[in-house]
Amino acid sequence: MLTPMTLTPGLRAQLLIMVEKEDTATKVGSGDVPVLATPRLLAFAEQATVQAVAGALEPGQTSVGTKVALEHLVASPVGTHVEITAELTEVAERRLVFTFTARDRQTTVATGTVERVVVDRERFLAKLSR
């Protein structure tokens, strides 16, 4: 059984992105306006959660996303700089819960939670090839 001994609440990571044309709802097909698409925002939030625990996982371990709650509050047009901060807030055996916030200067763009589960990378991939 996997025991992520070095994972403790408080681990954090920040990403600073600039909204590009490829990140817009128009480009990814989630809408028809040229602003940061919710699916891209979620991908950035998940990237921050992965970075937050990258140095704390045991060799051979990785984490996979299992549950997301996201509230996208403010539109961010192309050229906007958005900072996404993720923090590990709960560790329950293999289950990791993160909160995240995305901000544009002083404005909260989005908030949410991401749950991930720690798995053995090789065993996880082996199950896919059955």
Protein backbone atom coordinates (compact mmCIF):
# COMPACT_ATOMS: atom_id res chain seq x y z
CA MET A 1 0.00 0.00 0.00
CA LEU A 2 1.26 3.46 -0.84
CA THR A 3 1.90 5.76 2.08
CA PRO A 4 2.81 9.31 1.03
CA MET A 5 4.74 10.04 4.22
CA THR A 6 6.20 13.39 3.10
CA LEU A 7 2.89 14.90 2.01
CA THR A 8 1.59 17.40 4.53
CA PRO A 9 -0.90 20.24 4.30
CA GLY A 10 0.64 23.56 3.41
CA LEU A 11 2.56 22.50 0.31
CA ARG A 12 2.00 25.21 -2.31
CA ALA A 13 2.76 26.18 -5.88
CA GLN A 14 2.09 29.26 -7.98
CA LEU A 15 1.84 29.67 -11.73
CA LEU A 16 1.84 32.99 -13.53
CA ILE A 17 0.32 32.79 -16.98
CA MET A 18 -0.58 35.29 -19.64
CA VAL A 19 -3.82 34.55 -21.45
CA GLU A 20 -2.95 33.68 -25.04
CA LYS A 21 -5.27 33.27 -28.02
CA GLU A 22 -4.87 29.47 -27.64
CA ASP A 23 -6.30 29.71 -24.09
CA THR A 24 -9.59 31.33 -25.09
CA ALA A 25 -13.06 29.84 -25.06
CA THR A 26 -13.29 30.55 -28.78
CA LYS A 27 -10.15 28.52 -29.51
CA VAL A 28 -10.87 25.53 -27.24
CA GLY A 29 -14.56 25.34 -28.17
CA SER A 30 -16.04 26.01 -24.74
CA GLY A 31 -17.70 29.26 -25.84
CA ASP A 32 -17.60 31.97 -28.47
CA VAL A 33 -15.82 34.80 -26.67
CA PRO A 34 -12.06 35.54 -26.68
CA VAL A 35 -11.46 35.20 -22.92
CA LEU A 36 -9.71 32.61 -20.75
CA ALA A 37 -11.63 29.37 -21.19
CA THR A 38 -12.78 27.57 -18.07
CA PRO A 39 -11.21 24.27 -19.25
CA ARG A 40 -7.82 26.01 -19.67
CA LEU A 41 -8.17 27.63 -16.25
CA LEU A 42 -8.81 24.19 -14.77
CA ALA A 43 -5.76 22.77 -16.56
CA PHE A 44 -3.60 25.54 -15.09
CA ALA A 45 -5.03 24.89 -11.61
CA GLU A 46 -4.28 21.17 -11.93
CA GLN A 47 -0.76 21.98 -13.14
CA ALA A 48 -0.23 24.00 -9.95
CA THR A 49 -1.45 21.08 -7.79
CA VAL A 50 0.97 18.72 -9.52
CA GLN A 51 3.83 21.16 -8.95
CA ALA A 52 2.88 21.60 -5.28
CA VAL A 53 3.58 17.95 -4.47
CA ALA A 54 6.18 17.11 -7.11
CA GLY A 55 9.09 17.11 -4.69
CA ALA A 56 7.23 15.35 -1.89
CA LEU A 57 6.13 12.15 -3.64
CA GLU A 58 8.14 8.97 -3.20
CA PRO A 59 10.05 7.60 -6.22
CA GLY A 60 7.64 5.79 -8.53
CA GLN A 61 4.60 7.69 -7.26
CA THR A 62 2.44 10.17 -9.10
CA SER A 63 -0.96 11.69 -8.49
CA VAL A 64 -4.06 11.60 -10.66
CA GLY A 65 -7.02 13.95 -10.59
CA THR A 66 -10.31 12.54 -9.33
CA LYS A 67 -12.63 15.45 -8.45
CA VAL A 68 -12.87 19.17 -9.21
CA ALA A 69 -15.04 22.08 -8.11
CA LEU A 70 -14.41 25.38 -9.87
CA GLU A 71 -16.14 28.74 -9.71
CA HIS A 72 -15.04 30.96 -12.62
CA LEU A 73 -15.97 34.46 -11.46
CA VAL A 74 -14.37 36.99 -13.83
CA ALA A 75 -13.50 36.97 -17.53
CA SER A 76 -9.83 37.45 -18.47
CA PRO A 77 -9.14 38.71 -22.00
CA VAL A 78 -6.06 37.90 -24.09
CA GLY A 79 -2.98 39.56 -22.64
CA THR A 80 -4.16 39.38 -19.03
CA HIS A 81 -1.70 38.02 -16.47
CA VAL A 82 -3.32 35.53 -14.10
CA GLU A 83 -1.63 34.00 -11.06
CA ILE A 84 -2.88 30.59 -9.97
CA THR A 85 -2.02 29.45 -6.44
CA ALA A 86 -2.70 25.92 -5.24
CA GLU A 87 -2.29 24.72 -1.67
CA LEU A 88 -2.54 21.21 -0.27
CA THR A 89 -5.12 21.50 2.51
CA GLU A 90 -5.91 17.89 3.38
CA VAL A 91 -4.12 14.55 3.24
CA ALA A 92 -6.20 11.43 3.94
CA GLU A 93 -4.05 8.37 3.19
CA ARG A 94 -3.64 8.54 -0.61
CA ARG A 95 -6.27 11.28 -1.13
CA LEU A 96 -5.01 14.84 -1.51
CA VAL A 97 -7.27 17.90 -1.42
CA PHE A 98 -6.09 21.24 -2.77
CA THR A 99 -7.68 24.66 -2.77
CA PHE A 100 -6.77 27.05 -5.53
CA THR A 101 -7.28 30.69 -6.37
CA ALA A 102 -6.69 32.47 -9.65
CA ARG A 103 -6.12 36.22 -9.46
CA ASP A 104 -5.65 39.06 -11.93
CA ARG A 105 -3.96 41.84 -9.95
CA GLN A 106 -6.42 42.45 -7.10
CA THR A 107 -9.38 40.62 -8.67
CA THR A 108 -10.25 37.01 -7.89
CA VAL A 109 -10.81 35.32 -11.24
CA ALA A 110 -11.65 31.86 -9.90
CA THR A 111 -11.60 29.65 -6.83
CA GLY A 112 -12.02 25.95 -6.33
CA THR A 113 -10.80 22.62 -5.11
CA VAL A 114 -8.99 19.76 -6.80
CA GLU A 115 -8.77 16.26 -5.38
CA ARG A 116 -6.00 13.92 -6.45
CA VAL A 117 -5.02 10.39 -5.45
CA VAL A 118 -1.45 9.18 -5.06
CA VAL A 119 -0.78 6.07 -7.14
CA ASP A 120 2.14 3.88 -8.11
CA ARG A 121 2.87 5.07 -11.67
CA GLU A 122 3.79 1.63 -13.09
CA ARG A 123 0.80 -0.18 -11.59
CA PHE A 124 -1.53 2.59 -12.76
CA LEU A 125 -0.22 2.42 -16.33
CA ALA A 126 -0.24 -1.40 -16.33
CA LYS A 127 -3.98 -1.38 -15.59
CA LEU A 128 -4.56 0.72 -18.72
CA SER A 129 -3.00 -1.82 -21.06
CA ARG A 130 -5.30 -4.70 -20.09
